[in-house]
Every structure is written in structure tokens, then in C-alpha cells.
Amino acid sequence: MCLWDFNGCGNSEGDYVTLGLGESEDGIQVLDELHTTFLYSKVFLWGKSMGAVTAMYIARYCDE
């Protein structure tokens, strides 16, 4: 399982949120790390509120 806080949320540093658009870039970096370091080939994305929007943006990236 891999969990993270968005910039500006929870215990993460940062002054603002972008309601999913900028946060999806962070998520894509996390997915790339999971793929290259831990050799994950499939992931399950789950998000609530802004996290759901971010998960949809990330899923679109994974579909390309």
C-alpha cells in the first residue's frame, strides 16, 4: 500500500492546492517510482473529494 499527502495538505509542505491538476503530477511521480523501484505493473487508485479528481487525472495518464 502506498499513501501520500498532497502538497499543502496533511503533513506535507506547501502553501496551496490546485484542486487535482498539479497534484496529479505528484501522483504520476509516485506511480513511476512504484513501477521502477518496486516493479509494480498494476495499481488501484482511490481518492476522496480532490483525491478522486486527482485519481482520474492520473488514470488518464496511465491510459496513454
N, C-alpha and C. Protein backbone atom coordinates (compact mmCIF):
# COMPACT_ATOMS: atom_id res chain seq x y z
N MET A 1 0.85 -1.16 0.00
CA MET A 1 0.00 0.00 0.00
C MET A 1 0.90 1.24 0.00
N CYS A 2 0.51 2.23 -0.75
CA CYS A 2 1.26 3.48 -0.82
C CYS A 2 0.28 4.64 -0.63
N LEU A 3 0.55 5.47 0.36
CA LEU A 3 -0.29 6.63 0.65
C LEU A 3 0.60 7.87 0.69
N TRP A 4 0.06 9.00 0.26
CA TRP A 4 0.81 10.25 0.38
C TRP A 4 -0.15 11.42 0.53
N ASP A 5 0.38 12.48 1.12
CA ASP A 5 -0.36 13.74 1.26
C ASP A 5 -0.04 14.62 0.07
N PHE A 6 -1.01 15.36 -0.38
CA PHE A 6 -0.76 16.36 -1.42
C PHE A 6 0.02 17.52 -0.84
N ASN A 7 0.72 18.26 -1.70
CA ASN A 7 1.37 19.49 -1.26
C ASN A 7 0.33 20.42 -0.65
N GLY A 8 0.66 20.98 0.49
CA GLY A 8 -0.26 21.90 1.16
C GLY A 8 -1.35 21.21 1.97
N CYS A 9 -1.33 19.90 2.05
CA CYS A 9 -2.35 19.15 2.79
C CYS A 9 -1.68 18.24 3.82
N GLY A 10 -2.40 17.93 4.87
CA GLY A 10 -1.88 17.00 5.87
C GLY A 10 -0.56 17.45 6.44
N ASN A 11 0.42 16.57 6.43
CA ASN A 11 1.75 16.87 6.97
C ASN A 11 2.73 17.34 5.90
N SER A 12 2.26 17.54 4.68
CA SER A 12 3.15 17.95 3.59
C SER A 12 3.37 19.46 3.59
N GLU A 13 4.52 19.86 3.09
CA GLU A 13 4.81 21.28 2.95
C GLU A 13 4.09 21.83 1.73
N GLY A 14 4.00 23.13 1.66
CA GLY A 14 3.37 23.78 0.53
C GLY A 14 2.31 24.74 1.01
N ASP A 15 2.05 25.75 0.21
CA ASP A 15 1.13 26.81 0.61
C ASP A 15 -0.24 26.74 -0.05
N TYR A 16 -0.38 25.99 -1.10
CA TYR A 16 -1.65 25.98 -1.82
C TYR A 16 -1.89 24.64 -2.51
N VAL A 17 -3.13 24.42 -2.91
CA VAL A 17 -3.51 23.24 -3.67
C VAL A 17 -4.09 23.70 -5.00
N THR A 18 -4.06 22.82 -5.99
CA THR A 18 -4.57 23.18 -7.32
C THR A 18 -5.80 22.34 -7.70
N LEU A 19 -6.43 21.76 -6.69
CA LEU A 19 -7.68 21.01 -6.88
C LEU A 19 -7.54 19.84 -7.86
N GLY A 20 -6.39 19.20 -7.84
CA GLY A 20 -6.21 17.97 -8.59
C GLY A 20 -5.25 18.05 -9.76
N LEU A 21 -5.15 19.20 -10.40
CA LEU A 21 -4.32 19.28 -11.60
C LEU A 21 -2.83 19.16 -11.28
N GLY A 22 -2.33 20.02 -10.41
CA GLY A 22 -0.92 19.93 -10.03
C GLY A 22 -0.62 18.70 -9.19
N GLU A 23 -1.58 18.31 -8.37
CA GLU A 23 -1.40 17.14 -7.51
C GLU A 23 -1.26 15.86 -8.33
N SER A 24 -1.87 15.83 -9.50
CA SER A 24 -1.75 14.63 -10.34
C SER A 24 -0.31 14.43 -10.80
N GLU A 25 0.44 15.52 -10.95
CA GLU A 25 1.86 15.39 -11.31
C GLU A 25 2.62 14.67 -10.20
N ASP A 26 2.29 14.98 -8.95
CA ASP A 26 2.90 14.26 -7.82
C ASP A 26 2.53 12.78 -7.88
N GLY A 27 1.28 12.50 -8.15
CA GLY A 27 0.81 11.11 -8.23
C GLY A 27 1.48 10.34 -9.33
N ILE A 28 1.70 10.98 -10.46
CA ILE A 28 2.38 10.32 -11.58
C ILE A 28 3.82 10.00 -11.20
N GLN A 29 4.46 10.88 -10.46
CA GLN A 29 5.82 10.60 -9.98
C GLN A 29 5.82 9.42 -9.02
N VAL A 30 4.81 9.34 -8.17
CA VAL A 30 4.70 8.21 -7.24
C VAL A 30 4.52 6.91 -8.04
N LEU A 31 3.63 6.93 -9.04
CA LEU A 31 3.42 5.73 -9.85
C LEU A 31 4.69 5.32 -10.59
N ASP A 32 5.41 6.28 -11.13
CA ASP A 32 6.66 5.97 -11.81
C ASP A 32 7.65 5.32 -10.86
N GLU A 33 7.71 5.83 -9.62
CA GLU A 33 8.60 5.25 -8.61
C GLU A 33 8.18 3.82 -8.25
N LEU A 34 6.88 3.61 -8.09
CA LEU A 34 6.38 2.27 -7.79
C LEU A 34 6.72 1.30 -8.92
N HIS A 35 6.64 1.79 -10.14
CA HIS A 35 6.93 0.93 -11.30
C HIS A 35 8.42 0.61 -11.41
N THR A 36 9.26 1.64 -11.28
CA THR A 36 10.69 1.42 -11.50
C THR A 36 11.39 0.80 -10.30
N THR A 37 11.04 1.20 -9.09
CA THR A 37 11.74 0.71 -7.90
C THR A 37 11.16 -0.60 -7.38
N PHE A 38 9.83 -0.68 -7.35
CA PHE A 38 9.19 -1.85 -6.76
C PHE A 38 8.57 -2.79 -7.79
N LEU A 39 8.71 -2.44 -9.07
CA LEU A 39 8.26 -3.27 -10.20
C LEU A 39 6.76 -3.55 -10.20
N TYR A 40 5.97 -2.60 -9.68
CA TYR A 40 4.51 -2.74 -9.74
C TYR A 40 4.07 -2.56 -11.18
N SER A 41 3.25 -3.45 -11.66
CA SER A 41 2.72 -3.29 -13.02
C SER A 41 1.26 -2.85 -13.02
N LYS A 42 0.58 -3.06 -11.90
CA LYS A 42 -0.82 -2.64 -11.78
C LYS A 42 -1.01 -1.95 -10.44
N VAL A 43 -1.85 -0.92 -10.45
CA VAL A 43 -2.16 -0.20 -9.21
C VAL A 43 -3.66 0.05 -9.15
N PHE A 44 -4.14 0.27 -7.95
CA PHE A 44 -5.52 0.64 -7.72
C PHE A 44 -5.51 2.06 -7.17
N LEU A 45 -6.18 2.97 -7.86
CA LEU A 45 -6.23 4.36 -7.42
C LEU A 45 -7.53 4.61 -6.68
N TRP A 46 -7.43 5.28 -5.54
CA TRP A 46 -8.62 5.64 -4.78
C TRP A 46 -8.43 7.04 -4.25
N GLY A 47 -9.44 7.83 -4.35
CA GLY A 47 -9.36 9.18 -3.82
C GLY A 47 -10.74 9.63 -3.37
N LYS A 48 -10.73 10.58 -2.45
CA LYS A 48 -11.97 11.14 -1.92
C LYS A 48 -11.91 12.64 -2.14
N SER A 49 -12.96 13.20 -2.68
CA SER A 49 -13.04 14.63 -2.95
C SER A 49 -11.96 15.01 -3.95
N MET A 50 -11.04 15.91 -3.58
CA MET A 50 -9.99 16.32 -4.52
C MET A 50 -9.13 15.12 -4.93
N GLY A 51 -8.98 14.16 -4.04
CA GLY A 51 -8.21 12.96 -4.37
C GLY A 51 -8.85 12.15 -5.48
N ALA A 52 -10.18 12.17 -5.57
CA ALA A 52 -10.87 11.46 -6.65
C ALA A 52 -10.59 12.11 -7.99
N VAL A 53 -10.59 13.44 -8.01
CA VAL A 53 -10.26 14.16 -9.24
C VAL A 53 -8.83 13.85 -9.66
N THR A 54 -7.94 13.87 -8.69
CA THR A 54 -6.54 13.57 -8.96
C THR A 54 -6.38 12.15 -9.48
N ALA A 55 -7.09 11.20 -8.90
CA ALA A 55 -7.03 9.81 -9.36
C ALA A 55 -7.49 9.70 -10.81
N MET A 56 -8.51 10.47 -11.19
CA MET A 56 -8.96 10.43 -12.59
C MET A 56 -7.91 11.01 -13.53
N TYR A 57 -7.26 12.10 -13.13
CA TYR A 57 -6.17 12.66 -13.94
C TYR A 57 -5.04 11.64 -14.09
N ILE A 58 -4.68 10.99 -13.00
CA ILE A 58 -3.60 10.00 -13.05
C ILE A 58 -3.99 8.82 -13.93
N ALA A 59 -5.22 8.36 -13.80
CA ALA A 59 -5.70 7.24 -14.62
C ALA A 59 -5.62 7.57 -16.09
N ARG A 60 -5.92 8.80 -16.44
CA ARG A 60 -5.83 9.22 -17.84
C ARG A 60 -4.38 9.14 -18.31
N TYR A 61 -3.43 9.55 -17.47
CA TYR A 61 -2.01 9.45 -17.80
C TYR A 61 -1.62 7.99 -18.02
N CYS A 62 -2.11 7.09 -17.17
CA CYS A 62 -1.76 5.68 -17.26
C CYS A 62 -2.34 5.03 -18.50
N ASP A 63 -3.41 5.60 -19.02
CA ASP A 63 -4.07 5.05 -20.18
C ASP A 63 -3.35 5.40 -21.48
N GLU A 64 -2.47 6.37 -21.44
CA GLU A 64 -1.78 6.83 -22.67
C GLU A 64 -0.64 5.93 -23.03
